[in-house]
Amino acid sequence: MTTAGSQACLHPEGRAIPLVNTLIGVLIAITLGLSGCKTQTALTADSTRCRTMDVDVIKSRYSREGSTTVWCAKCKDRLYLCVSNPERNRVECKEAAPDACS
């Protein structure tokens, strides 16, 4: 039985859509949406075998110029210069000299 205020939640056949199914659908959509977006921190961690929480993306000339495919990061007292493609499905990080990221 439905009330006048609950008619917005009716399925076309007149059945109420269970809230649980709606929540599951929203969670799946969010998970799929976020799975393709890797941050520079996550990409650096994958490439350097550091833990994500140990990676610190630092301000460098690349970030000041607005680059999103080249960045510098520190992990375990080492400085890395990282490069990715625009799709962010490939990344390479190499240890860098301090002046490479100034």
N, C-alpha and C. Protein backbone atom coordinates (compact mmCIF):
# COMPACT_ATOMS: atom_id res chain seq x y z
N MET A 1 0.84 -1.17 0.00
CA MET A 1 0.00 0.00 0.00
C MET A 1 0.89 1.24 0.00
N THR A 2 0.56 2.22 -0.80
CA THR A 2 1.35 3.43 -0.88
C THR A 2 0.54 4.62 -0.40
N THR A 3 1.27 5.63 0.01
CA THR A 3 0.61 6.87 0.42
C THR A 3 0.85 7.90 -0.65
N ALA A 4 0.20 9.02 -0.56
CA ALA A 4 0.34 10.06 -1.57
C ALA A 4 1.77 10.57 -1.66
N GLY A 5 2.49 10.59 -0.57
CA GLY A 5 3.87 11.09 -0.57
C GLY A 5 4.87 10.11 -1.13
N SER A 6 4.53 8.82 -1.24
CA SER A 6 5.49 7.82 -1.69
C SER A 6 5.32 7.46 -3.16
N GLN A 7 4.45 8.11 -3.90
CA GLN A 7 4.21 7.77 -5.28
C GLN A 7 5.42 8.03 -6.18
N ALA A 8 6.35 8.88 -5.76
CA ALA A 8 7.53 9.15 -6.56
C ALA A 8 8.46 7.95 -6.62
N CYS A 9 8.33 7.01 -5.71
CA CYS A 9 9.19 5.84 -5.66
C CYS A 9 8.53 4.61 -6.27
N LEU A 10 7.54 4.78 -7.10
CA LEU A 10 6.83 3.65 -7.69
C LEU A 10 7.47 3.23 -9.00
N HIS A 11 7.53 1.93 -9.18
CA HIS A 11 7.99 1.34 -10.43
C HIS A 11 6.86 1.49 -11.44
N PRO A 12 7.13 1.47 -12.75
CA PRO A 12 6.06 1.65 -13.74
C PRO A 12 4.88 0.69 -13.57
N GLU A 13 5.12 -0.52 -13.06
CA GLU A 13 4.02 -1.45 -12.84
C GLU A 13 3.27 -1.15 -11.55
N GLY A 14 3.68 -0.12 -10.83
CA GLY A 14 3.00 0.25 -9.62
C GLY A 14 3.62 -0.33 -8.35
N ARG A 15 4.74 -1.07 -8.48
CA ARG A 15 5.39 -1.64 -7.30
C ARG A 15 6.43 -0.66 -6.77
N ALA A 16 6.59 -0.63 -5.49
CA ALA A 16 7.60 0.23 -4.88
C ALA A 16 8.98 -0.37 -5.13
N ILE A 17 9.95 0.49 -5.51
CA ILE A 17 11.33 0.04 -5.72
C ILE A 17 11.99 -0.07 -4.35
N PRO A 18 12.54 -1.23 -4.04
CA PRO A 18 13.20 -1.36 -2.74
C PRO A 18 14.39 -0.41 -2.63
N LEU A 19 14.51 0.23 -1.51
CA LEU A 19 15.59 1.18 -1.27
C LEU A 19 16.96 0.52 -1.39
N VAL A 20 17.07 -0.71 -0.97
CA VAL A 20 18.34 -1.42 -1.03
C VAL A 20 18.83 -1.54 -2.47
N ASN A 21 17.95 -1.88 -3.40
CA ASN A 21 18.35 -2.00 -4.80
C ASN A 21 18.81 -0.66 -5.35
N THR A 22 18.17 0.40 -4.96
CA THR A 22 18.57 1.73 -5.40
C THR A 22 19.95 2.07 -4.87
N LEU A 23 20.18 1.80 -3.60
CA LEU A 23 21.49 2.09 -3.01
C LEU A 23 22.59 1.26 -3.66
N ILE A 24 22.32 0.01 -3.94
CA ILE A 24 23.31 -0.84 -4.60
C ILE A 24 23.65 -0.28 -5.97
N GLY A 25 22.65 0.14 -6.71
CA GLY A 25 22.90 0.73 -8.03
C GLY A 25 23.75 1.98 -7.96
N VAL A 26 23.48 2.83 -6.98
CA VAL A 26 24.26 4.05 -6.81
C VAL A 26 25.70 3.72 -6.45
N LEU A 27 25.91 2.77 -5.55
CA LEU A 27 27.26 2.38 -5.16
C LEU A 27 28.04 1.79 -6.34
N ILE A 28 27.38 1.00 -7.15
CA ILE A 28 28.04 0.42 -8.33
C ILE A 28 28.43 1.53 -9.30
N ALA A 29 27.55 2.48 -9.52
CA ALA A 29 27.85 3.59 -10.43
C ALA A 29 29.03 4.42 -9.92
N ILE A 30 29.06 4.68 -8.64
CA ILE A 30 30.18 5.45 -8.07
C ILE A 30 31.48 4.68 -8.20
N THR A 31 31.45 3.39 -7.90
CA THR A 31 32.65 2.57 -7.99
C THR A 31 33.19 2.53 -9.42
N LEU A 32 32.31 2.33 -10.38
CA LEU A 32 32.73 2.30 -11.78
C LEU A 32 33.28 3.65 -12.22
N GLY A 33 32.66 4.71 -11.76
CA GLY A 33 33.12 6.05 -12.12
C GLY A 33 34.48 6.37 -11.56
N LEU A 34 34.76 5.93 -10.36
CA LEU A 34 36.04 6.23 -9.73
C LEU A 34 37.15 5.27 -10.13
N SER A 35 36.82 4.12 -10.62
CA SER A 35 37.84 3.13 -10.92
C SER A 35 38.75 3.58 -12.07
N GLY A 36 38.28 4.44 -12.94
CA GLY A 36 39.11 4.90 -14.04
C GLY A 36 39.94 6.11 -13.72
N CYS A 37 39.76 6.70 -12.56
CA CYS A 37 40.46 7.92 -12.19
C CYS A 37 41.54 7.62 -11.18
N LYS A 38 42.77 7.58 -11.62
CA LYS A 38 43.87 7.37 -10.70
C LYS A 38 44.57 8.70 -10.47
N THR A 39 44.87 8.96 -9.24
CA THR A 39 45.57 10.20 -8.89
C THR A 39 47.05 10.06 -9.18
N GLN A 40 47.73 11.19 -9.20
CA GLN A 40 49.18 11.17 -9.38
C GLN A 40 49.84 10.39 -8.24
N THR A 41 49.29 10.50 -7.05
CA THR A 41 49.83 9.77 -5.91
C THR A 41 49.72 8.27 -6.13
N ALA A 42 48.56 7.81 -6.57
CA ALA A 42 48.36 6.37 -6.81
C ALA A 42 49.23 5.87 -7.96
N LEU A 43 49.33 6.66 -9.01
CA LEU A 43 50.18 6.27 -10.14
C LEU A 43 51.64 6.18 -9.72
N THR A 44 52.09 7.14 -8.91
CA THR A 44 53.48 7.12 -8.43
C THR A 44 53.71 5.90 -7.56
N ALA A 45 52.78 5.61 -6.67
CA ALA A 45 52.92 4.45 -5.79
C ALA A 45 53.04 3.17 -6.60
N ASP A 46 52.21 3.03 -7.62
CA ASP A 46 52.27 1.83 -8.47
C ASP A 46 53.61 1.71 -9.17
N SER A 47 54.13 2.81 -9.65
CA SER A 47 55.37 2.78 -10.44
C SER A 47 56.62 2.62 -9.58
N THR A 48 56.59 3.13 -8.37
CA THR A 48 57.78 3.12 -7.52
C THR A 48 57.74 2.04 -6.44
N ARG A 49 56.65 1.32 -6.37
CA ARG A 49 56.44 0.29 -5.35
C ARG A 49 56.45 0.87 -3.94
N CYS A 50 56.02 2.11 -3.85
CA CYS A 50 55.82 2.75 -2.55
C CYS A 50 54.36 2.56 -2.17
N ARG A 51 54.08 2.73 -0.90
CA ARG A 51 52.69 2.74 -0.47
C ARG A 51 52.11 4.11 -0.80
N THR A 52 50.86 4.16 -1.14
CA THR A 52 50.21 5.42 -1.49
C THR A 52 50.37 6.45 -0.38
N MET A 53 50.27 6.02 0.86
CA MET A 53 50.38 6.96 1.97
C MET A 53 51.79 7.49 2.16
N ASP A 54 52.80 6.85 1.53
CA ASP A 54 54.19 7.32 1.63
C ASP A 54 54.57 8.28 0.52
N VAL A 55 53.71 8.44 -0.48
CA VAL A 55 54.01 9.29 -1.63
C VAL A 55 53.53 10.71 -1.37
N ASP A 56 54.40 11.66 -1.69
CA ASP A 56 54.05 13.07 -1.56
C ASP A 56 54.34 13.75 -2.89
N VAL A 57 53.30 14.10 -3.63
CA VAL A 57 53.47 14.84 -4.88
C VAL A 57 53.85 16.26 -4.50
N ILE A 58 54.97 16.74 -5.05
CA ILE A 58 55.48 18.04 -4.65
C ILE A 58 55.24 19.09 -5.73
N LYS A 59 55.21 20.33 -5.29
CA LYS A 59 55.07 21.43 -6.26
C LYS A 59 56.38 21.53 -7.02
N SER A 60 56.26 21.59 -8.31
CA SER A 60 57.44 21.66 -9.17
C SER A 60 57.13 22.60 -10.33
N ARG A 61 58.12 22.78 -11.17
CA ARG A 61 57.88 23.64 -12.34
C ARG A 61 56.78 23.05 -13.22
N TYR A 62 56.64 21.74 -13.21
CA TYR A 62 55.61 21.10 -14.04
C TYR A 62 54.21 21.43 -13.53
N SER A 63 54.02 21.35 -12.23
CA SER A 63 52.70 21.68 -11.68
C SER A 63 52.42 23.17 -11.82
N ARG A 64 53.45 24.00 -11.68
CA ARG A 64 53.25 25.44 -11.85
C ARG A 64 52.88 25.79 -13.29
N GLU A 65 53.35 24.98 -14.25
CA GLU A 65 53.01 25.20 -15.66
C GLU A 65 51.67 24.56 -16.02
N GLY A 66 51.06 23.85 -15.09
CA GLY A 66 49.75 23.27 -15.32
C GLY A 66 49.76 21.86 -15.92
N SER A 67 50.91 21.22 -15.93
CA SER A 67 50.98 19.87 -16.50
C SER A 67 50.29 18.86 -15.59
N THR A 68 49.54 17.97 -16.20
CA THR A 68 48.93 16.88 -15.46
C THR A 68 49.54 15.53 -15.85
N THR A 69 50.45 15.54 -16.81
CA THR A 69 51.08 14.30 -17.25
C THR A 69 52.54 14.19 -16.83
N VAL A 70 53.09 15.23 -16.24
CA VAL A 70 54.46 15.20 -15.72
C VAL A 70 54.41 15.79 -14.32
N TRP A 71 55.01 15.10 -13.36
CA TRP A 71 55.02 15.60 -11.99
C TRP A 71 56.21 15.04 -11.23
N CYS A 72 56.47 15.62 -10.09
CA CYS A 72 57.54 15.17 -9.20
C CYS A 72 56.92 14.70 -7.89
N ALA A 73 57.53 13.66 -7.33
CA ALA A 73 57.01 13.11 -6.09
C ALA A 73 58.16 12.60 -5.23
N LYS A 74 57.93 12.60 -3.93
CA LYS A 74 58.90 12.05 -2.99
C LYS A 74 58.32 10.81 -2.33
N CYS A 75 59.20 9.84 -2.13
CA CYS A 75 58.84 8.64 -1.40
C CYS A 75 60.10 8.09 -0.75
N LYS A 76 60.04 7.85 0.54
CA LYS A 76 61.18 7.28 1.27
C LYS A 76 62.46 8.07 1.02
N ASP A 77 62.37 9.38 1.13
CA ASP A 77 63.52 10.30 0.95
C ASP A 77 64.14 10.24 -0.44
N ARG A 78 63.39 9.76 -1.40
CA ARG A 78 63.86 9.76 -2.79
C ARG A 78 62.94 10.65 -3.61
N LEU A 79 63.52 11.33 -4.59
CA LEU A 79 62.76 12.21 -5.47
C LEU A 79 62.57 11.50 -6.81
N TYR A 80 61.34 11.53 -7.31
CA TYR A 80 61.03 10.87 -8.57
C TYR A 80 60.42 11.87 -9.55
N LEU A 81 60.78 11.72 -10.81
CA LEU A 81 60.15 12.44 -11.90
C LEU A 81 59.26 11.43 -12.61
N CYS A 82 57.99 11.74 -12.68
CA CYS A 82 57.02 10.79 -13.24
C CYS A 82 56.36 11.37 -14.49
N VAL A 83 56.07 10.48 -15.43
CA VAL A 83 55.43 10.86 -16.69
C VAL A 83 54.33 9.85 -16.98
N SER A 84 53.17 10.35 -17.41
CA SER A 84 52.09 9.45 -17.81
C SER A 84 51.52 9.94 -19.14
N ASN A 85 50.76 9.06 -19.77
CA ASN A 85 50.03 9.48 -20.96
C ASN A 85 48.73 10.16 -20.51
N PRO A 86 48.07 10.90 -21.39
CA PRO A 86 46.84 11.61 -20.97
C PRO A 86 45.74 10.69 -20.42
N GLU A 87 45.68 9.45 -20.88
CA GLU A 87 44.67 8.51 -20.41
C GLU A 87 45.01 7.95 -19.04
N ARG A 88 46.23 8.16 -18.59
CA ARG A 88 46.74 7.70 -17.30
C ARG A 88 46.71 6.19 -17.15
N ASN A 89 46.87 5.47 -18.25
CA ASN A 89 46.94 4.02 -18.14
C ASN A 89 48.38 3.52 -18.25
N ARG A 90 49.32 4.44 -18.44
CA ARG A 90 50.75 4.12 -18.44
C ARG A 90 51.47 5.20 -17.67
N VAL A 91 52.40 4.81 -16.85
CA VAL A 91 53.19 5.78 -16.09
C VAL A 91 54.59 5.22 -15.88
N GLU A 92 55.54 6.13 -15.85
CA GLU A 92 56.92 5.75 -15.57
C GLU A 92 57.51 6.79 -14.63
N CYS A 93 58.09 6.33 -13.55
CA CYS A 93 58.75 7.20 -12.59
C CYS A 93 60.21 6.78 -12.47
N LYS A 94 61.09 7.76 -12.53
CA LYS A 94 62.52 7.49 -12.37
C LYS A 94 63.06 8.42 -11.30
N GLU A 95 64.07 7.92 -10.58
CA GLU A 95 64.70 8.77 -9.59
C GLU A 95 65.30 9.98 -10.27
N ALA A 96 65.16 11.13 -9.65
CA ALA A 96 65.58 12.39 -10.28
C ALA A 96 66.53 13.15 -9.36
N ALA A 97 67.34 13.97 -9.99
CA ALA A 97 68.21 14.88 -9.23
C ALA A 97 67.36 16.01 -8.67
N PRO A 98 67.76 16.61 -7.55
CA PRO A 98 66.96 17.67 -6.94
C PRO A 98 66.63 18.82 -7.88
N ASP A 99 67.53 19.16 -8.79
CA ASP A 99 67.27 20.29 -9.69
C ASP A 99 66.28 19.95 -10.81
N ALA A 100 65.95 18.68 -10.99
CA ALA A 100 65.02 18.28 -12.05
C ALA A 100 63.60 18.75 -11.76
N CYS A 101 63.30 19.00 -10.51
CA CYS A 101 61.94 19.35 -10.14
C CYS A 101 61.81 20.75 -9.56
N SER A 102 62.86 21.54 -9.66
CA SER A 102 62.79 22.87 -9.08
C SER A 102 62.02 23.85 -9.92
